[in-house]
Amino acid sequence: MDRRSVIKNAGIAGVLAAGAAPAVHAQETIRWRLASSFPKALDTIYGAADVFAKKVGEMSGGKFVITVHPGGELMPPIAGMVDNIQKGTTEIVHTAPYYFFGVNDAFALGCAIPFGLNSRQMTAWMYQGNGLKLMREFYAKYNIVNFPMGNTGAQMGGWYRKEIKTVADIKGLKIRIGGFAGRVMTRMGAVPQNIPGGEIYQALEKGTIDAAEWVGPYDDQKLGFNKVAPFYHFPGWWEGGPQLDAYVNKTAYDKLSAENKAIIESAAAFAHTDMQAKYDARNPDALKQLVAAKTRVLPFPKAVMDASFKEAQALYSEISAANPDWKKIYDDWSVFRRDQNLWFRFTEARFDSFMQAQKL
């Protein structure tokens, strides 16, 4: 019997028995690098990238390996990240899109803007509204494919050396504040600083800044801000539901098989959910510990909230008139926000308000 007859008539068992098995080429391992914007000490926000990389490895059977590098190891944690991912310096970065509003204001809409969506609403806009479609159209100009990969939930309003009692207390305030919120703070007379997470403590301790916001109790306690600023204001009206993203270099992404593209998408979605679950689980204990350590947890006065809201809406109108990228995305986003707030008013907000008033 010749070789072709064996293959035709005996099937795979016959092929193997006859020693005529076709050559099998092992799949070459794909190796990518991920640059984070965050310090490794923050196991929640930095940790989302570790969770993502581990899941990619598991789903690919170890054939797709992503190494994770903390902020500053491969590139500066904020400055130049868009240029680096655009050029393919690394295949992925994990970051907060609003860090790059200086490149184009529209970046901020992929993360959070003052008085925006909460975390559930942001996820809904991305996956079931037009968010992912619109942001990907925008990011294509920068050779980026984005994947939602984490959300902190609503954040705290930051740490202050002096209590904020009136709108006048904002004037001249040197505050570390991430992303787009600084634009609103500037309009209120503050002097915002965009400082990476790993450098905030020293700036606050030395008095280079008067105040700093980061995320919330769990991360803030790790960074030790309560040791150098006693007043902890809330809420972070600029970050109702800030989304983190994995920015993937489009050139590298397009070379992936359909299977590996699906692995990236699924692993990012898993890390997205896991990150917020960690914050929601860990923030309560951290807040109790901060209060026990004499931190004064205070709401922003209503006058400050009202003034901030007014300035934010005025800013958005000005940007819409000047930036077509922003306007296209913001118009859709703002309609989605309106409808979400209508719905949440009847469900989540009323239920939460009742439950939080109970003594359980």
Protein backbone atom coordinates (compact mmCIF):
# COMPACT_ATOMS: atom_id res chain seq x y z
CA MET A 1 0.00 0.00 0.00
CA ASP A 2 1.47 3.37 -0.94
CA ARG A 3 1.59 6.38 1.36
CA ARG A 4 -1.38 8.18 -0.23
CA SER A 5 -3.59 5.12 0.11
CA VAL A 6 -2.80 4.89 3.79
CA ILE A 7 -3.84 8.48 4.34
CA LYS A 8 -6.97 8.16 2.21
CA ASN A 9 -8.27 4.85 3.54
CA ALA A 10 -7.05 4.49 7.09
CA GLY A 11 -7.81 7.89 8.62
CA ILE A 12 -5.63 9.36 11.35
CA ALA A 13 -5.30 6.09 13.25
CA GLY A 14 -4.00 4.38 10.15
CA VAL A 15 -1.66 7.24 9.41
CA LEU A 16 -0.11 7.05 12.84
CA ALA A 17 0.11 3.27 12.75
CA ALA A 18 1.84 3.39 9.40
CA GLY A 19 4.33 5.94 10.63
CA ALA A 20 3.18 8.38 7.98
CA ALA A 21 2.01 11.23 10.23
CA PRO A 22 2.20 14.65 8.56
CA ALA A 23 4.63 17.16 10.04
CA VAL A 24 3.14 19.25 12.87
CA HIS A 25 4.57 22.73 13.37
CA ALA A 26 4.46 24.01 16.95
CA GLN A 27 2.83 27.41 17.30
CA GLU A 28 5.42 30.06 17.94
CA THR A 29 5.03 31.81 21.30
CA ILE A 30 3.93 35.45 21.03
CA ARG A 31 5.71 37.77 23.44
CA TRP A 32 4.38 41.25 24.14
CA ARG A 33 5.24 43.93 26.68
CA LEU A 34 2.72 46.02 28.61
CA ALA A 35 3.71 49.37 30.11
CA SER A 36 1.56 50.54 33.02
CA SER A 37 0.99 54.12 34.13
CA PHE A 38 0.92 52.98 37.75
CA PRO A 39 3.34 51.92 40.50
CA LYS A 40 3.56 48.22 41.29
CA ALA A 41 2.69 48.83 44.95
CA LEU A 42 -0.94 49.48 43.98
CA ASP A 43 -2.23 45.94 43.64
CA THR A 44 -5.65 47.15 42.47
CA ILE A 45 -5.04 49.64 39.68
CA TYR A 46 -1.63 48.28 38.61
CA GLY A 47 -2.80 44.78 39.43
CA ALA A 48 -5.43 44.83 36.70
CA ALA A 49 -2.62 44.52 34.14
CA ASP A 50 -1.22 41.50 35.98
CA VAL A 51 -4.68 39.89 36.02
CA PHE A 52 -5.03 40.56 32.29
CA ALA A 53 -1.61 39.13 31.41
CA LYS A 54 -2.19 36.02 33.52
CA LYS A 55 -5.55 35.40 31.88
CA VAL A 56 -4.08 35.80 28.38
CA GLY A 57 -1.46 33.21 29.27
CA GLU A 58 -4.04 30.78 30.65
CA MET A 59 -6.41 31.06 27.69
CA SER A 60 -3.61 30.67 25.16
CA GLY A 61 -2.07 27.67 26.89
CA GLY A 62 1.08 29.68 27.51
CA LYS A 63 1.50 30.57 23.83
CA PHE A 64 0.75 34.28 24.31
CA VAL A 65 3.01 35.80 26.95
CA ILE A 66 2.60 39.41 28.14
CA THR A 67 5.10 40.87 30.60
CA VAL A 68 3.88 43.77 32.73
CA HIS A 69 6.13 46.72 33.56
CA PRO A 70 5.32 49.41 36.18
CA GLY A 71 5.20 53.11 35.45
CA GLY A 72 8.59 54.52 34.53
CA GLU A 73 10.30 51.21 33.78
CA LEU A 74 9.90 51.22 29.99
CA MET A 75 8.67 54.77 29.49
CA PRO A 76 7.42 57.71 31.56
CA PRO A 77 4.14 56.74 33.26
CA ILE A 78 2.16 59.53 31.57
CA ALA A 79 4.15 61.80 29.26
CA GLY A 80 4.74 60.34 25.82
CA MET A 81 2.62 57.22 26.30
CA VAL A 82 0.42 57.97 23.31
CA ASP A 83 3.47 58.52 21.10
CA ASN A 84 5.07 55.32 22.35
CA ILE A 85 2.05 53.10 21.80
CA GLN A 86 1.42 54.75 18.43
CA LYS A 87 4.96 53.87 17.35
CA GLY A 88 4.83 50.38 18.86
CA THR A 89 7.54 50.92 21.48
CA THR A 90 5.48 48.40 23.43
CA GLU A 91 2.46 46.49 22.17
CA ILE A 92 0.18 47.56 25.06
CA VAL A 93 -0.10 50.26 27.67
CA HIS A 94 -2.51 50.22 30.60
CA THR A 95 -3.53 53.73 31.53
CA ALA A 96 -6.20 56.30 32.32
CA PRO A 97 -7.20 57.91 29.00
CA TYR A 98 -7.88 61.31 30.56
CA TYR A 99 -4.15 61.71 31.19
CA PHE A 100 -3.85 62.60 27.50
CA PHE A 101 -6.38 65.41 27.18
CA GLY A 102 -3.44 67.59 26.23
CA VAL A 103 -3.10 65.57 23.03
CA ASN A 104 -6.81 65.92 22.31
CA ASP A 105 -9.64 66.70 24.74
CA ALA A 106 -11.58 63.72 23.38
CA PHE A 107 -9.25 61.28 25.15
CA ALA A 108 -10.91 62.23 28.44
CA LEU A 109 -14.29 60.94 27.30
CA GLY A 110 -12.85 57.43 27.27
CA CYS A 111 -12.16 57.64 31.00
CA ALA A 112 -14.10 60.24 32.98
CA ILE A 113 -14.98 63.90 32.89
CA PRO A 114 -16.44 65.94 35.74
CA PHE A 115 -20.09 65.15 36.54
CA GLY A 116 -20.08 62.23 34.12
CA LEU A 117 -21.17 58.61 34.16
CA ASN A 118 -20.84 56.28 37.10
CA SER A 119 -18.99 53.01 36.59
CA ARG A 120 -22.01 50.93 35.59
CA GLN A 121 -23.22 53.62 33.23
CA MET A 122 -19.76 53.91 31.67
CA THR A 123 -19.59 50.17 31.06
CA ALA A 124 -23.10 50.27 29.59
CA TRP A 125 -22.16 53.11 27.22
CA MET A 126 -19.04 51.28 26.13
CA TYR A 127 -20.53 47.83 25.54
CA GLN A 128 -24.19 48.50 24.80
CA GLY A 129 -24.18 52.13 23.69
CA ASN A 130 -21.95 53.73 21.10
CA GLY A 131 -18.98 54.29 23.39
CA LEU A 132 -16.63 51.59 22.14
CA LYS A 133 -17.47 52.31 18.51
CA LEU A 134 -16.95 56.06 18.81
CA MET A 135 -13.77 55.81 20.87
CA ARG A 136 -12.25 53.28 18.49
CA GLU A 137 -12.98 55.53 15.54
CA PHE A 138 -11.16 58.31 17.38
CA TYR A 139 -8.24 56.16 18.55
CA ALA A 140 -7.66 54.84 15.04
CA LYS A 141 -6.06 58.22 14.30
CA TYR A 142 -3.38 57.28 16.81
CA ASN A 143 -2.86 53.67 15.69
CA ILE A 144 -4.59 52.46 18.88
CA VAL A 145 -7.21 49.78 19.52
CA ASN A 146 -8.70 50.26 22.99
CA PHE A 147 -10.21 47.76 25.40
CA PRO A 148 -11.98 48.74 28.65
CA MET A 149 -9.78 47.32 31.43
CA GLY A 150 -10.82 48.46 34.85
CA ASN A 151 -12.86 51.01 36.73
CA THR A 152 -12.31 52.34 40.24
CA GLY A 153 -15.92 53.29 40.85
CA ALA A 154 -16.70 56.76 42.16
CA GLN A 155 -13.63 58.26 43.75
CA MET A 156 -12.96 60.41 46.77
CA GLY A 157 -12.30 64.13 46.46
CA GLY A 158 -8.76 64.04 47.77
CA TRP A 159 -6.52 65.07 50.65
CA TYR A 160 -6.16 68.68 51.80
CA ARG A 161 -3.87 70.42 54.22
CA LYS A 162 -6.71 72.84 55.01
CA GLU A 163 -10.43 72.17 55.03
CA ILE A 164 -12.39 73.37 51.99
CA LYS A 165 -15.24 75.45 53.39
CA THR A 166 -16.10 77.85 50.57
CA VAL A 167 -15.51 78.35 46.86
CA ALA A 168 -12.91 80.97 47.81
CA ASP A 169 -10.77 78.19 49.34
CA ILE A 170 -10.22 76.78 45.84
CA LYS A 171 -8.50 79.94 44.62
CA GLY A 172 -4.73 79.55 44.51
CA LEU A 173 -4.94 75.92 45.67
CA LYS A 174 -2.04 73.88 44.29
CA ILE A 175 -3.65 70.48 43.79
CA ARG A 176 -2.48 67.29 42.17
CA ILE A 177 -5.46 66.28 40.10
CA GLY A 178 -5.50 63.86 37.22
CA GLY A 179 -6.67 64.56 33.75
CA PHE A 180 -9.55 66.72 32.70
CA ALA A 181 -10.66 67.83 36.15
CA GLY A 182 -7.76 70.27 36.25
CA ARG A 183 -9.39 72.26 33.47
CA VAL A 184 -12.42 72.88 35.68
CA MET A 185 -10.28 73.57 38.73
CA THR A 186 -8.32 76.16 36.75
CA ARG A 187 -11.52 78.00 35.94
CA MET A 188 -12.21 78.11 39.68
CA GLY A 189 -8.82 79.61 40.43
CA ALA A 190 -6.86 76.49 41.44
CA VAL A 191 -3.41 75.57 40.15
CA PRO A 192 -3.63 71.91 39.06
CA GLN A 193 -0.61 69.63 38.85
CA ASN A 194 -0.50 66.39 36.83
CA ILE A 195 1.84 64.25 38.97
CA PRO A 196 2.23 60.44 38.61
CA GLY A 197 0.93 58.37 41.52
CA GLY A 198 4.36 57.35 42.77
CA GLU A 199 5.45 60.97 43.21
CA ILE A 200 2.43 62.46 44.96
CA TYR A 201 3.38 61.73 48.58
CA GLN A 202 6.67 63.60 48.42
CA ALA A 203 5.08 66.61 46.77
CA LEU A 204 2.38 66.75 49.44
CA GLU A 205 4.83 66.16 52.28
CA LYS A 206 7.20 68.91 51.11
CA GLY A 207 4.38 71.39 50.56
CA THR A 208 5.03 71.60 46.82
CA ILE A 209 1.28 71.06 46.56
CA ASP A 210 -1.54 71.88 48.99
CA ALA A 211 -3.80 68.98 48.11
CA ALA A 212 -3.91 65.78 46.11
CA GLU A 213 -6.50 63.40 44.81
CA TRP A 214 -5.76 59.85 43.77
CA VAL A 215 -8.47 57.17 43.96
CA GLY A 216 -10.04 56.16 47.24
CA PRO A 217 -9.36 54.77 50.71
CA TYR A 218 -7.59 51.51 49.79
CA ASP A 219 -5.04 53.04 47.42
CA ASP A 220 -4.76 56.33 49.29
CA GLN A 221 -3.94 54.56 52.54
CA LYS A 222 -1.21 52.54 50.80
CA LEU A 223 0.33 55.76 49.55
CA GLY A 224 0.18 57.27 53.05
CA PHE A 225 -1.57 60.53 52.20
CA ASN A 226 -3.32 60.64 55.58
CA LYS A 227 0.09 61.17 57.21
CA VAL A 228 0.63 64.51 55.48
CA ALA A 229 -2.88 65.91 54.95
CA PRO A 230 -5.67 65.48 57.53
CA PHE A 231 -8.77 66.49 55.54
CA TYR A 232 -10.32 63.91 53.21
CA HIS A 233 -13.08 65.45 51.10
CA PHE A 234 -15.73 63.69 49.04
CA PRO A 235 -17.04 63.03 46.45
CA GLY A 236 -14.59 63.16 43.56
CA TRP A 237 -17.11 64.93 41.34
CA TRP A 238 -14.64 64.71 38.49
CA GLU A 239 -14.55 60.89 38.60
CA GLY A 240 -17.93 59.28 39.01
CA GLY A 241 -16.78 56.17 37.16
CA PRO A 242 -13.30 56.49 35.63
CA GLN A 243 -12.48 53.73 33.18
CA LEU A 244 -8.97 52.44 32.62
CA ASP A 245 -8.03 51.19 29.17
CA ALA A 246 -5.64 48.80 27.54
CA TYR A 247 -4.28 50.64 24.53
CA VAL A 248 -3.05 48.12 21.97
CA ASN A 249 -0.83 49.13 19.08
CA LYS A 250 -3.07 48.59 16.04
CA THR A 251 -0.25 47.36 13.81
CA ALA A 252 0.61 44.61 16.31
CA TYR A 253 -3.05 43.83 16.94
CA ASP A 254 -3.82 43.38 13.25
CA LYS A 255 -1.14 40.68 13.03
CA LEU A 256 -2.87 38.52 15.64
CA SER A 257 -5.02 35.55 14.73
CA ALA A 258 -8.77 35.82 15.32
CA GLU A 259 -8.31 33.50 18.31
CA ASN A 260 -5.69 35.70 19.94
CA LYS A 261 -7.75 38.83 19.30
CA ALA A 262 -10.63 37.14 21.13
CA ILE A 263 -8.27 36.25 23.98
CA ILE A 264 -7.21 39.89 24.34
CA GLU A 265 -10.83 41.04 24.39
CA SER A 266 -11.94 38.42 26.91
CA ALA A 267 -8.96 38.88 29.24
CA ALA A 268 -9.45 42.66 29.27
CA ALA A 269 -13.15 42.26 30.09
CA PHE A 270 -12.28 39.90 32.95
CA ALA A 271 -9.71 42.35 34.35
CA HIS A 272 -12.24 45.16 33.93
CA THR A 273 -14.72 43.47 36.25
CA ASP A 274 -12.09 42.17 38.66
CA MET A 275 -10.57 45.59 39.27
CA GLN A 276 -13.78 47.26 40.41
CA ALA A 277 -14.73 44.23 42.50
CA LYS A 278 -11.45 44.63 44.38
CA TYR A 279 -12.03 48.32 45.04
CA ASP A 280 -15.59 47.76 46.22
CA ALA A 281 -14.45 44.96 48.52
CA ARG A 282 -11.41 46.72 49.99
CA ASN A 283 -12.40 50.36 50.33
CA PRO A 284 -14.74 49.96 53.34
CA ASP A 285 -12.12 48.52 55.71
CA ALA A 286 -9.53 51.03 54.54
CA LEU A 287 -11.92 53.92 55.19
CA LYS A 288 -12.64 52.65 58.71
CA GLN A 289 -8.91 52.45 59.40
CA LEU A 290 -8.35 55.98 58.11
CA VAL A 291 -11.11 57.34 60.33
CA ALA A 292 -9.66 55.47 63.31
CA ALA A 293 -6.33 57.18 62.55
CA LYS A 294 -8.01 60.60 62.96
CA THR A 295 -8.62 61.39 59.29
CA ARG A 296 -11.42 63.94 58.98
CA VAL A 297 -13.78 62.77 56.22
CA LEU A 298 -15.83 65.72 54.98
CA PRO A 299 -18.25 66.41 52.12
CA PHE A 300 -17.55 69.24 49.75
CA PRO A 301 -19.87 72.16 50.53
CA LYS A 302 -22.86 72.42 48.19
CA ALA A 303 -21.64 75.80 46.97
CA VAL A 304 -18.40 74.19 45.80
CA MET A 305 -20.28 71.40 44.04
CA ASP A 306 -22.63 73.90 42.35
CA ALA A 307 -19.79 76.14 41.20
CA SER A 308 -17.86 73.16 39.87
CA PHE A 309 -20.85 71.87 37.94
CA LYS A 310 -21.49 75.27 36.39
CA GLU A 311 -17.89 75.65 35.25
CA ALA A 312 -17.79 72.11 33.86
CA GLN A 313 -20.87 72.63 31.68
CA ALA A 314 -19.51 75.94 30.39
CA LEU A 315 -16.21 74.26 29.52
CA TYR A 316 -17.93 71.46 27.61
CA SER A 317 -19.87 73.97 25.52
CA GLU A 318 -16.66 75.78 24.62
CA ILE A 319 -14.86 72.59 23.64
CA SER A 320 -17.81 71.36 21.57
CA ALA A 321 -17.66 74.57 19.58
CA ALA A 322 -13.95 74.15 18.85
CA ASN A 323 -13.21 70.41 18.65
CA PRO A 324 -15.15 68.17 16.20
CA ASP A 325 -13.66 64.97 17.69
CA TRP A 326 -14.93 65.93 21.12
CA LYS A 327 -18.35 67.08 19.89
CA LYS A 328 -19.08 63.87 17.98
CA ILE A 329 -18.40 61.71 21.03
CA TYR A 330 -19.72 64.11 23.68
CA ASP A 331 -23.09 64.58 21.97
CA ASP A 332 -23.73 60.83 22.07
CA TRP A 333 -22.29 60.48 25.58
CA SER A 334 -24.42 63.30 27.00
CA VAL A 335 -27.68 61.83 25.65
CA PHE A 336 -26.73 58.48 27.16
CA ARG A 337 -25.95 60.19 30.50
CA ARG A 338 -29.36 61.93 30.52
CA ASP A 339 -31.24 58.68 29.99
CA GLN A 340 -29.13 56.78 32.51
CA ASN A 341 -29.76 59.38 35.18
CA LEU A 342 -33.48 59.21 34.48
CA TRP A 343 -33.45 55.45 34.99
CA PHE A 344 -31.11 55.37 37.99
CA ARG A 345 -33.25 57.99 39.76
CA PHE A 346 -36.07 55.44 40.00
CA THR A 347 -33.93 52.45 40.93
CA GLU A 348 -30.34 52.58 42.12
CA ALA A 349 -30.34 56.04 43.66
CA ARG A 350 -33.55 55.59 45.64
CA PHE A 351 -32.63 52.08 46.79
CA ASP A 352 -29.10 53.14 47.77
CA SER A 353 -30.33 56.20 49.62
CA PHE A 354 -32.76 54.12 51.67
CA MET A 355 -30.30 51.35 52.48
CA GLN A 356 -27.52 53.71 53.48
CA ALA A 357 -29.86 55.36 56.00
CA GLN A 358 -30.56 52.07 57.77
CA LYS A 359 -28.69 50.89 60.85
CA LEU A 360 -27.73 47.37 59.87
